[in-house]
């Protein structure tokens, strides 16, 4: 069996940095707010809460962190079964493991 490379690259998620994104990143860097806090994060949380119609919103650093928070809020404990899709990345099941859950991929 011969494996050949694709003629063109297929981007899963093409990187983009232009316009306001570049402005906000430059501002965060120049004001030393390259972390999980700062005025830009506060504004994103405020806008999200407003659009959803709730009192608060929390911006997290990654999708994995968001899934981990979901496991905590769902009360997953060691030995609990959590069903996961088999069409995913390991980051989907890692938060289950962090809480001691048993992930069943189907």
N, C-alpha and C. Protein backbone atom coordinates (compact mmCIF):
# COMPACT_ATOMS: atom_id res chain seq x y z
N UNK A 1 0.84 -1.17 0.00
CA UNK A 1 0.00 0.00 0.00
C UNK A 1 0.89 1.24 0.00
N UNK A 2 0.61 2.14 -0.90
CA UNK A 2 1.36 3.39 -1.00
C UNK A 2 0.51 4.54 -0.49
N UNK A 3 1.10 5.34 0.37
CA UNK A 3 0.40 6.51 0.89
C UNK A 3 0.97 7.73 0.20
N UNK A 4 0.08 8.51 -0.43
CA UNK A 4 0.51 9.71 -1.13
C UNK A 4 -0.05 10.94 -0.45
N UNK A 5 0.73 12.00 -0.46
CA UNK A 5 0.29 13.26 0.13
C UNK A 5 -0.77 13.92 -0.74
N UNK A 6 -1.65 14.68 -0.14
CA UNK A 6 -2.63 15.45 -0.89
C UNK A 6 -1.91 16.49 -1.72
N UNK A 7 -2.46 16.83 -2.88
CA UNK A 7 -1.84 17.86 -3.71
C UNK A 7 -1.97 19.23 -3.06
N UNK A 8 -3.10 19.47 -2.39
CA UNK A 8 -3.31 20.74 -1.70
C UNK A 8 -3.53 20.46 -0.22
N UNK A 9 -3.06 21.37 0.61
CA UNK A 9 -3.25 21.24 2.05
C UNK A 9 -4.73 21.46 2.38
N UNK A 10 -5.26 20.62 3.26
CA UNK A 10 -6.63 20.78 3.72
C UNK A 10 -6.56 21.32 5.14
N UNK A 11 -6.97 22.57 5.32
CA UNK A 11 -6.89 23.21 6.62
C UNK A 11 -8.04 22.77 7.50
N UNK A 12 -7.72 22.30 8.70
CA UNK A 12 -8.75 21.99 9.69
C UNK A 12 -9.29 23.31 10.24
N UNK A 13 -8.39 24.21 10.50
CA UNK A 13 -8.75 25.52 11.02
C UNK A 13 -7.64 26.47 10.61
N UNK A 14 -7.90 27.28 9.62
CA UNK A 14 -6.83 28.15 9.13
C UNK A 14 -6.58 29.29 10.12
N UNK A 15 -5.31 29.57 10.40
CA UNK A 15 -4.99 30.65 11.33
C UNK A 15 -5.27 32.01 10.70
N UNK A 16 -5.87 32.89 11.47
CA UNK A 16 -6.12 34.24 10.98
C UNK A 16 -5.76 35.24 12.07
N UNK A 17 -5.17 36.32 11.69
CA UNK A 17 -4.83 37.40 12.61
C UNK A 17 -4.80 38.67 11.77
N UNK A 18 -5.87 39.44 11.86
CA UNK A 18 -5.94 40.68 11.12
C UNK A 18 -6.95 41.62 11.78
N UNK A 19 -7.03 42.83 11.30
CA UNK A 19 -8.02 43.79 11.80
C UNK A 19 -8.01 43.93 13.30
N UNK A 20 -9.20 43.86 13.90
CA UNK A 20 -9.34 44.05 15.34
C UNK A 20 -8.59 42.99 16.15
N UNK A 21 -8.51 41.75 15.65
CA UNK A 21 -7.80 40.71 16.39
C UNK A 21 -6.36 41.12 16.65
N UNK A 22 -5.69 41.60 15.63
CA UNK A 22 -4.31 42.03 15.76
C UNK A 22 -4.21 43.23 16.71
N UNK A 23 -5.16 44.16 16.61
CA UNK A 23 -5.16 45.33 17.48
C UNK A 23 -5.30 44.91 18.95
N UNK A 24 -6.23 43.99 19.24
CA UNK A 24 -6.45 43.56 20.62
C UNK A 24 -5.27 42.75 21.16
N UNK A 25 -4.68 41.90 20.32
CA UNK A 25 -3.51 41.14 20.76
C UNK A 25 -2.33 42.08 21.05
N UNK A 26 -2.12 43.05 20.19
CA UNK A 26 -1.05 44.02 20.39
C UNK A 26 -1.28 44.81 21.67
N UNK A 27 -2.52 45.23 21.89
CA UNK A 27 -2.86 45.97 23.11
C UNK A 27 -2.62 45.12 24.36
N UNK A 28 -3.05 43.87 24.32
CA UNK A 28 -2.84 42.98 25.47
C UNK A 28 -1.36 42.77 25.73
N UNK A 29 -0.59 42.61 24.67
CA UNK A 29 0.86 42.41 24.82
C UNK A 29 1.53 43.66 25.36
N UNK A 30 1.19 44.83 24.81
CA UNK A 30 1.87 46.06 25.22
C UNK A 30 1.49 46.50 26.64
N UNK A 31 0.32 46.07 27.13
CA UNK A 31 -0.09 46.42 28.50
C UNK A 31 0.20 45.30 29.49
N UNK A 32 0.89 44.25 29.02
CA UNK A 32 1.29 43.12 29.86
C UNK A 32 0.09 42.34 30.42
N UNK A 33 -0.99 42.25 29.66
CA UNK A 33 -2.17 41.47 30.06
C UNK A 33 -2.26 40.19 29.24
N UNK A 34 -1.15 39.50 29.06
CA UNK A 34 -1.13 38.24 28.31
C UNK A 34 -1.43 37.09 29.28
N UNK A 35 -2.63 37.06 29.79
CA UNK A 35 -3.03 36.01 30.72
C UNK A 35 -4.53 35.82 30.61
N UNK A 36 -5.12 35.24 31.62
CA UNK A 36 -6.56 34.96 31.60
C UNK A 36 -7.37 36.05 32.27
N UNK A 37 -6.76 37.22 32.48
CA UNK A 37 -7.47 38.35 33.07
C UNK A 37 -7.17 39.61 32.26
N UNK A 38 -7.97 40.63 32.46
CA UNK A 38 -7.74 41.89 31.78
C UNK A 38 -9.04 42.46 31.22
N UNK A 39 -8.95 43.69 30.75
CA UNK A 39 -10.14 44.39 30.28
C UNK A 39 -10.79 43.71 29.07
N UNK A 40 -9.99 43.17 28.16
CA UNK A 40 -10.58 42.50 26.99
C UNK A 40 -11.37 41.27 27.40
N UNK A 41 -10.85 40.49 28.33
CA UNK A 41 -11.57 39.31 28.82
C UNK A 41 -12.85 39.73 29.53
N UNK A 42 -12.75 40.76 30.37
CA UNK A 42 -13.94 41.26 31.08
C UNK A 42 -15.02 41.67 30.09
N UNK A 43 -14.63 42.33 29.01
CA UNK A 43 -15.61 42.79 28.03
C UNK A 43 -16.23 41.62 27.27
N UNK A 44 -15.44 40.62 26.92
CA UNK A 44 -15.99 39.42 26.26
C UNK A 44 -17.02 38.75 27.16
N UNK A 45 -16.69 38.62 28.44
CA UNK A 45 -17.62 38.00 29.39
C UNK A 45 -18.90 38.83 29.52
N UNK A 46 -18.75 40.14 29.59
CA UNK A 46 -19.92 41.02 29.71
C UNK A 46 -20.84 40.91 28.50
N UNK A 47 -20.24 40.93 27.30
CA UNK A 47 -21.02 40.84 26.07
C UNK A 47 -21.71 39.48 25.97
N UNK A 48 -20.99 38.41 26.31
CA UNK A 48 -21.58 37.06 26.26
C UNK A 48 -22.77 36.95 27.20
N UNK A 49 -22.62 37.44 28.43
CA UNK A 49 -23.71 37.38 29.40
C UNK A 49 -24.91 38.19 28.92
N UNK A 50 -24.64 39.35 28.35
CA UNK A 50 -25.70 40.21 27.83
C UNK A 50 -26.46 39.53 26.70
N UNK A 51 -25.72 38.95 25.76
CA UNK A 51 -26.36 38.29 24.60
C UNK A 51 -27.17 37.07 25.02
N UNK A 52 -26.65 36.32 25.99
CA UNK A 52 -27.34 35.11 26.45
C UNK A 52 -28.51 35.46 27.37
N UNK A 53 -28.38 36.59 28.06
CA UNK A 53 -29.43 37.01 28.97
C UNK A 53 -29.25 36.46 30.37
N UNK A 54 -27.99 36.29 30.78
CA UNK A 54 -27.72 35.82 32.13
C UNK A 54 -26.90 36.87 32.86
N UNK A 55 -26.72 36.66 34.15
CA UNK A 55 -26.04 37.65 34.97
C UNK A 55 -24.52 37.64 34.77
N UNK A 56 -23.93 36.44 34.59
CA UNK A 56 -22.47 36.31 34.48
C UNK A 56 -22.10 35.34 33.36
N UNK A 57 -20.89 35.50 32.85
CA UNK A 57 -20.30 34.55 31.91
C UNK A 57 -18.83 34.42 32.29
N UNK A 58 -18.25 33.27 31.99
CA UNK A 58 -16.84 33.04 32.30
C UNK A 58 -16.13 32.61 31.02
N UNK A 59 -15.11 33.37 30.64
CA UNK A 59 -14.28 33.01 29.50
C UNK A 59 -13.18 32.07 30.00
N UNK A 60 -13.00 30.96 29.32
CA UNK A 60 -11.96 30.00 29.70
C UNK A 60 -10.89 29.97 28.63
N UNK A 61 -9.74 29.42 28.97
CA UNK A 61 -8.59 29.45 28.07
C UNK A 61 -8.67 28.46 26.92
N UNK A 62 -9.40 27.36 27.10
CA UNK A 62 -9.47 26.33 26.05
C UNK A 62 -10.82 25.62 26.10
N UNK A 63 -11.12 24.90 25.04
CA UNK A 63 -12.31 24.06 25.03
C UNK A 63 -12.19 22.95 26.06
N UNK A 64 -10.98 22.46 26.27
CA UNK A 64 -10.76 21.42 27.28
C UNK A 64 -11.10 21.96 28.67
N UNK A 65 -10.68 23.20 28.94
CA UNK A 65 -11.01 23.81 30.23
C UNK A 65 -12.52 23.96 30.39
N UNK A 66 -13.21 24.30 29.30
CA UNK A 66 -14.67 24.43 29.34
C UNK A 66 -15.32 23.08 29.63
N UNK A 67 -14.82 22.02 28.98
CA UNK A 67 -15.37 20.68 29.23
C UNK A 67 -15.07 20.23 30.66
N UNK A 68 -13.91 20.59 31.18
CA UNK A 68 -13.57 20.23 32.55
C UNK A 68 -14.53 20.93 33.52
N UNK A 69 -14.83 22.19 33.28
CA UNK A 69 -15.79 22.90 34.11
C UNK A 69 -17.16 22.22 34.03
N UNK A 70 -17.53 21.77 32.84
CA UNK A 70 -18.80 21.04 32.67
C UNK A 70 -18.84 19.77 33.52
N UNK A 71 -17.72 19.05 33.54
CA UNK A 71 -17.66 17.82 34.35
C UNK A 71 -17.85 18.15 35.82
N UNK A 72 -17.21 19.22 36.27
CA UNK A 72 -17.35 19.63 37.67
C UNK A 72 -18.78 20.04 37.97
N UNK A 73 -19.37 20.84 37.09
CA UNK A 73 -20.75 21.30 37.31
C UNK A 73 -21.75 20.15 37.24
N UNK A 74 -21.44 19.14 36.43
CA UNK A 74 -22.32 17.97 36.33
C UNK A 74 -22.14 17.03 37.51
N UNK A 75 -21.11 17.27 38.31
CA UNK A 75 -20.88 16.45 39.50
C UNK A 75 -20.27 15.10 39.21
N UNK A 76 -19.50 14.98 38.12
CA UNK A 76 -18.86 13.71 37.78
C UNK A 76 -17.89 13.33 38.89
N UNK A 77 -18.01 12.09 39.35
CA UNK A 77 -17.16 11.58 40.43
C UNK A 77 -16.43 10.33 39.95
N UNK A 78 -15.39 9.92 40.68
CA UNK A 78 -14.68 8.70 40.29
C UNK A 78 -15.64 7.53 40.08
N UNK A 79 -15.46 6.86 38.95
CA UNK A 79 -16.28 5.70 38.62
C UNK A 79 -17.53 6.01 37.82
N UNK A 80 -17.93 7.29 37.73
CA UNK A 80 -19.11 7.64 36.94
C UNK A 80 -18.84 7.39 35.46
N UNK A 81 -19.85 6.92 34.75
CA UNK A 81 -19.74 6.71 33.32
C UNK A 81 -20.12 7.98 32.57
N UNK A 82 -19.31 8.35 31.59
CA UNK A 82 -19.60 9.49 30.74
C UNK A 82 -19.44 9.01 29.30
N UNK A 83 -20.50 9.11 28.53
CA UNK A 83 -20.46 8.68 27.14
C UNK A 83 -19.90 9.80 26.26
N UNK A 84 -18.99 9.42 25.36
CA UNK A 84 -18.33 10.38 24.49
C UNK A 84 -18.38 9.88 23.05
N UNK A 85 -18.34 10.80 22.13
CA UNK A 85 -18.29 10.46 20.72
C UNK A 85 -16.94 9.85 20.37
N UNK A 86 -16.92 8.97 19.38
CA UNK A 86 -15.65 8.41 18.93
C UNK A 86 -15.02 9.28 17.83
N UNK A 87 -15.74 10.26 17.36
CA UNK A 87 -15.22 11.19 16.34
C UNK A 87 -14.78 12.47 17.04
N UNK A 88 -13.66 12.40 17.75
CA UNK A 88 -13.24 13.53 18.56
C UNK A 88 -11.74 13.47 18.81
N UNK A 89 -11.24 14.43 19.55
CA UNK A 89 -9.86 14.46 19.99
C UNK A 89 -9.79 13.96 21.43
N UNK A 90 -8.60 13.64 21.89
CA UNK A 90 -8.45 13.18 23.27
C UNK A 90 -8.87 14.24 24.27
N UNK A 91 -8.82 15.50 23.87
CA UNK A 91 -9.21 16.59 24.77
C UNK A 91 -10.67 16.47 25.21
N UNK A 92 -11.48 15.75 24.46
CA UNK A 92 -12.88 15.56 24.83
C UNK A 92 -13.02 14.64 26.03
N UNK A 93 -12.20 13.61 26.10
CA UNK A 93 -12.32 12.65 27.20
C UNK A 93 -11.37 12.95 28.36
N UNK A 94 -10.36 13.75 28.14
CA UNK A 94 -9.43 14.08 29.23
C UNK A 94 -10.13 14.68 30.45
N UNK A 95 -11.06 15.62 30.30
CA UNK A 95 -11.73 16.17 31.48
C UNK A 95 -12.52 15.12 32.28
N UNK A 96 -13.00 14.08 31.61
CA UNK A 96 -13.67 12.98 32.30
C UNK A 96 -12.65 12.29 33.20
N UNK A 97 -11.47 12.03 32.64
CA UNK A 97 -10.40 11.37 33.40
C UNK A 97 -9.92 12.25 34.56
N UNK A 98 -9.86 13.56 34.34
CA UNK A 98 -9.42 14.46 35.41
C UNK A 98 -10.29 14.30 36.66
N UNK A 99 -11.58 14.00 36.46
CA UNK A 99 -12.51 13.87 37.58
C UNK A 99 -12.68 12.42 38.02
N UNK A 100 -11.91 11.52 37.38
CA UNK A 100 -11.96 10.11 37.77
C UNK A 100 -13.09 9.34 37.12
N UNK A 101 -13.77 9.97 36.17
CA UNK A 101 -14.85 9.31 35.46
C UNK A 101 -14.35 8.25 34.51
N UNK A 102 -15.25 7.42 34.06
CA UNK A 102 -14.94 6.34 33.12
C UNK A 102 -15.59 6.70 31.79
N UNK A 103 -14.78 7.07 30.79
CA UNK A 103 -15.35 7.48 29.51
C UNK A 103 -15.62 6.28 28.63
N UNK A 104 -16.82 6.21 28.13
CA UNK A 104 -17.24 5.17 27.18
C UNK A 104 -17.42 5.82 25.84
N UNK A 105 -16.55 5.45 24.92
CA UNK A 105 -16.61 6.03 23.58
C UNK A 105 -17.47 5.14 22.70
N UNK A 106 -18.49 5.73 22.11
CA UNK A 106 -19.40 4.98 21.23
C UNK A 106 -19.64 5.75 19.96
